[in-house]
């Protein structure tokens, strides 16, 4: 497998995980638990019952790689509110 293919799967977020309380795979939401100097810790919460179903750790290096791989952001244009344009 090439390095580009491996990089695509090194960092991902879950959209659904198995919940012990609900006894099925449920959609999850990610909650930031802790910010440390070298990493961030996230918790996955079941949208059905609210219980914790998993965790994810993002290192500072992972964040830098994700920013470098993301398409460049376009600057926002300021738009004058209606009625105030001369």
N, C-alpha and C. Protein backbone atom coordinates (compact mmCIF):
# COMPACT_ATOMS: atom_id res chain seq x y z
N UNK A 1 0.85 -1.17 0.00
CA UNK A 1 0.00 0.00 0.00
C UNK A 1 0.89 1.24 0.00
N UNK A 2 0.60 2.23 -0.81
CA UNK A 2 1.40 3.43 -0.92
C UNK A 2 1.23 4.34 0.27
N UNK A 3 2.14 5.31 0.40
CA UNK A 3 2.06 6.22 1.54
C UNK A 3 0.81 7.09 1.50
N UNK A 4 0.36 7.47 0.31
CA UNK A 4 -0.84 8.29 0.22
C UNK A 4 -2.06 7.51 0.72
N UNK A 5 -2.15 6.24 0.38
CA UNK A 5 -3.26 5.43 0.85
C UNK A 5 -3.22 5.25 2.36
N UNK A 6 -2.04 5.07 2.92
CA UNK A 6 -1.91 4.91 4.36
C UNK A 6 -2.28 6.21 5.08
N UNK A 7 -1.87 7.35 4.54
CA UNK A 7 -2.18 8.63 5.17
C UNK A 7 -3.67 8.88 5.21
N UNK A 8 -4.40 8.40 4.22
CA UNK A 8 -5.84 8.62 4.19
C UNK A 8 -6.54 7.95 5.37
N UNK A 9 -5.99 6.86 5.88
CA UNK A 9 -6.66 6.12 6.93
C UNK A 9 -6.00 6.23 8.29
N UNK A 10 -4.94 7.01 8.41
CA UNK A 10 -4.31 7.16 9.71
C UNK A 10 -5.17 7.98 10.66
N UNK A 11 -5.85 8.99 10.15
CA UNK A 11 -6.68 9.86 10.98
C UNK A 11 -8.09 9.89 10.41
N UNK A 12 -9.04 9.43 11.20
CA UNK A 12 -10.42 9.51 10.78
C UNK A 12 -11.29 9.63 12.01
N UNK A 13 -12.51 10.10 11.83
CA UNK A 13 -13.46 10.19 12.92
C UNK A 13 -14.60 9.21 12.66
N UNK A 14 -15.12 8.65 13.72
CA UNK A 14 -16.20 7.66 13.59
C UNK A 14 -17.54 8.37 13.45
N UNK A 15 -18.42 7.82 12.65
CA UNK A 15 -19.77 8.36 12.54
C UNK A 15 -20.77 7.49 13.30
N UNK A 16 -20.45 6.21 13.48
CA UNK A 16 -21.29 5.33 14.30
C UNK A 16 -20.42 4.26 14.94
N UNK A 17 -20.77 3.88 16.15
CA UNK A 17 -20.05 2.86 16.91
C UNK A 17 -21.07 2.00 17.66
N UNK A 18 -20.65 0.80 18.05
CA UNK A 18 -21.54 -0.09 18.79
C UNK A 18 -21.71 0.43 20.21
N UNK A 19 -22.96 0.50 20.67
CA UNK A 19 -23.27 0.95 22.02
C UNK A 19 -23.75 -0.24 22.84
N UNK A 20 -23.11 -0.48 23.97
CA UNK A 20 -23.50 -1.60 24.86
C UNK A 20 -24.90 -1.42 25.41
N UNK A 21 -25.27 -0.19 25.77
CA UNK A 21 -26.60 0.04 26.34
C UNK A 21 -27.70 -0.12 25.31
N UNK A 22 -27.49 0.41 24.10
CA UNK A 22 -28.51 0.34 23.05
C UNK A 22 -28.48 -1.00 22.32
N UNK A 23 -27.40 -1.76 22.48
CA UNK A 23 -27.23 -3.09 21.86
C UNK A 23 -27.23 -3.04 20.32
N UNK A 24 -26.77 -1.94 19.75
CA UNK A 24 -26.69 -1.81 18.30
C UNK A 24 -25.69 -0.70 17.96
N UNK A 25 -25.29 -0.64 16.70
CA UNK A 25 -24.43 0.46 16.25
C UNK A 25 -25.28 1.72 16.20
N UNK A 26 -24.78 2.78 16.81
CA UNK A 26 -25.52 4.03 16.91
C UNK A 26 -24.68 5.18 16.37
N UNK A 27 -25.32 6.23 15.85
CA UNK A 27 -24.57 7.42 15.48
C UNK A 27 -23.92 8.01 16.74
N UNK A 28 -22.76 8.59 16.56
CA UNK A 28 -22.05 9.17 17.70
C UNK A 28 -21.70 10.63 17.42
N UNK A 29 -21.48 11.37 18.50
CA UNK A 29 -20.94 12.71 18.38
C UNK A 29 -19.65 12.76 19.15
N UNK A 30 -18.76 13.59 18.69
CA UNK A 30 -17.43 13.68 19.28
C UNK A 30 -17.39 14.86 20.25
N UNK A 31 -16.84 14.63 21.44
CA UNK A 31 -16.72 15.68 22.45
C UNK A 31 -15.26 15.82 22.85
N UNK A 32 -14.75 17.03 22.82
CA UNK A 32 -13.38 17.31 23.24
C UNK A 32 -13.30 17.16 24.75
N UNK A 33 -12.41 16.29 25.21
CA UNK A 33 -12.25 16.05 26.64
C UNK A 33 -11.13 16.87 27.24
N UNK A 34 -9.97 16.88 26.57
CA UNK A 34 -8.78 17.46 27.17
C UNK A 34 -7.82 17.94 26.10
N UNK A 35 -7.25 19.12 26.31
CA UNK A 35 -6.22 19.65 25.42
C UNK A 35 -4.91 19.65 26.19
N UNK A 36 -3.95 18.92 25.66
CA UNK A 36 -2.60 18.84 26.23
C UNK A 36 -1.63 19.49 25.26
N UNK A 37 -0.41 19.82 25.70
CA UNK A 37 0.54 20.48 24.79
C UNK A 37 0.86 19.67 23.53
N UNK A 38 0.85 18.34 23.63
CA UNK A 38 1.23 17.52 22.49
C UNK A 38 0.09 16.74 21.85
N UNK A 39 -1.13 16.81 22.42
CA UNK A 39 -2.25 16.06 21.86
C UNK A 39 -3.58 16.55 22.43
N UNK A 40 -4.66 16.12 21.77
CA UNK A 40 -6.02 16.39 22.22
C UNK A 40 -6.74 15.06 22.39
N UNK A 41 -7.55 14.94 23.42
CA UNK A 41 -8.30 13.72 23.69
C UNK A 41 -9.79 13.99 23.45
N UNK A 42 -10.43 13.09 22.69
CA UNK A 42 -11.84 13.21 22.35
C UNK A 42 -12.59 11.98 22.85
N UNK A 43 -13.86 12.15 23.17
CA UNK A 43 -14.73 11.06 23.61
C UNK A 43 -15.88 10.95 22.61
N UNK A 44 -16.26 9.73 22.25
CA UNK A 44 -17.41 9.50 21.38
C UNK A 44 -18.61 9.17 22.25
N UNK A 45 -19.72 9.92 22.05
CA UNK A 45 -20.93 9.71 22.82
C UNK A 45 -22.05 9.19 21.91
N UNK A 46 -22.77 8.18 22.39
CA UNK A 46 -23.93 7.63 21.67
C UNK A 46 -25.01 8.71 21.63
N UNK A 47 -25.59 8.93 20.45
CA UNK A 47 -26.65 9.94 20.34
C UNK A 47 -27.98 9.42 20.89
N UNK A 48 -28.10 8.12 21.10
CA UNK A 48 -29.32 7.55 21.64
C UNK A 48 -29.42 7.67 23.15
N UNK A 49 -28.38 7.23 23.85
CA UNK A 49 -28.44 7.21 25.31
C UNK A 49 -27.43 8.14 25.98
N UNK A 50 -26.46 8.66 25.21
CA UNK A 50 -25.49 9.59 25.76
C UNK A 50 -24.29 8.95 26.44
N UNK A 51 -24.19 7.62 26.40
CA UNK A 51 -23.06 6.96 27.06
C UNK A 51 -21.81 7.04 26.19
N UNK A 52 -20.65 6.95 26.84
CA UNK A 52 -19.37 6.96 26.15
C UNK A 52 -19.15 5.62 25.47
N UNK A 53 -18.86 5.64 24.16
CA UNK A 53 -18.66 4.40 23.42
C UNK A 53 -17.27 4.28 22.81
N UNK A 54 -16.42 5.27 23.00
CA UNK A 54 -15.08 5.20 22.45
C UNK A 54 -14.32 6.50 22.68
N UNK A 55 -13.03 6.46 22.36
CA UNK A 55 -12.17 7.63 22.52
C UNK A 55 -11.23 7.74 21.33
N UNK A 56 -10.73 8.96 21.14
CA UNK A 56 -9.78 9.22 20.06
C UNK A 56 -8.75 10.20 20.56
N UNK A 57 -7.51 10.01 20.13
CA UNK A 57 -6.42 10.89 20.50
C UNK A 57 -5.81 11.48 19.23
N UNK A 58 -5.65 12.78 19.21
CA UNK A 58 -5.07 13.47 18.06
C UNK A 58 -3.79 14.14 18.53
N UNK A 59 -2.66 13.73 17.95
CA UNK A 59 -1.38 14.34 18.33
C UNK A 59 -1.16 15.64 17.55
N UNK A 60 -0.24 16.44 18.03
CA UNK A 60 0.06 17.71 17.36
C UNK A 60 0.54 17.45 15.94
N UNK A 61 1.30 16.39 15.71
CA UNK A 61 1.78 16.05 14.38
C UNK A 61 0.63 15.68 13.45
N UNK A 62 -0.35 14.96 13.98
CA UNK A 62 -1.53 14.60 13.18
C UNK A 62 -2.30 15.84 12.75
N UNK A 63 -2.43 16.81 13.65
CA UNK A 63 -3.14 18.04 13.33
C UNK A 63 -2.42 18.82 12.23
N UNK A 64 -1.09 18.87 12.31
CA UNK A 64 -0.32 19.57 11.28
C UNK A 64 -0.47 18.90 9.93
N UNK A 65 -0.44 17.56 9.92
CA UNK A 65 -0.59 16.83 8.65
C UNK A 65 -1.98 17.04 8.06
N UNK A 66 -3.00 17.07 8.91
CA UNK A 66 -4.37 17.27 8.44
C UNK A 66 -4.52 18.67 7.83
N UNK A 67 -3.92 19.67 8.45
CA UNK A 67 -3.99 21.03 7.90
C UNK A 67 -3.26 21.12 6.57
N UNK A 68 -2.12 20.44 6.46
CA UNK A 68 -1.35 20.49 5.21
C UNK A 68 -2.09 19.78 4.08
N UNK A 69 -2.84 18.73 4.40
CA UNK A 69 -3.55 17.97 3.38
C UNK A 69 -4.88 18.63 2.99
N UNK A 70 -5.40 19.49 3.84
CA UNK A 70 -6.69 20.14 3.57
C UNK A 70 -6.53 21.17 2.46
N UNK A 71 -7.57 21.36 1.66
CA UNK A 71 -7.51 22.39 0.62
C UNK A 71 -7.39 23.76 1.26
N UNK A 72 -6.72 24.70 0.60
CA UNK A 72 -6.55 26.03 1.19
C UNK A 72 -7.91 26.72 1.36
N UNK A 73 -8.04 27.44 2.46
CA UNK A 73 -9.28 28.15 2.72
C UNK A 73 -9.30 29.47 1.95
N UNK A 74 -10.46 29.77 1.38
CA UNK A 74 -10.62 31.04 0.69
C UNK A 74 -10.94 32.11 1.71
N UNK A 75 -10.37 33.30 1.56
CA UNK A 75 -10.70 34.37 2.52
C UNK A 75 -12.16 34.77 2.38
N UNK A 76 -12.77 35.11 3.49
CA UNK A 76 -14.17 35.51 3.48
C UNK A 76 -14.29 36.93 2.95
N UNK A 77 -15.30 37.12 2.14
CA UNK A 77 -15.57 38.46 1.64
C UNK A 77 -16.49 39.14 2.63
N UNK A 78 -16.23 40.42 2.88
CA UNK A 78 -17.15 41.15 3.74
C UNK A 78 -18.28 41.67 2.86
N UNK A 79 -19.48 41.48 3.32
CA UNK A 79 -20.65 41.88 2.57
C UNK A 79 -21.37 42.95 3.37
N UNK A 80 -21.65 44.07 2.74
CA UNK A 80 -22.36 45.15 3.41
C UNK A 80 -23.80 44.73 3.65
N UNK A 81 -24.35 45.06 4.82
CA UNK A 81 -25.76 44.74 5.08
C UNK A 81 -26.67 45.46 4.11
N UNK A 82 -27.80 44.85 3.81
CA UNK A 82 -28.76 45.45 2.88
C UNK A 82 -29.23 46.80 3.40
N UNK A 83 -29.42 47.70 2.47
CA UNK A 83 -29.93 49.02 2.82
C UNK A 83 -28.86 50.03 3.17
N UNK A 84 -27.62 49.57 3.38
CA UNK A 84 -26.55 50.47 3.74
C UNK A 84 -25.60 50.75 2.57
N UNK A 85 -25.83 50.11 1.44
CA UNK A 85 -24.98 50.32 0.29
C UNK A 85 -25.42 51.62 -0.40
N UNK A 86 -24.48 52.58 -0.64
CA UNK A 86 -24.86 53.85 -1.27
C UNK A 86 -25.31 53.71 -2.69
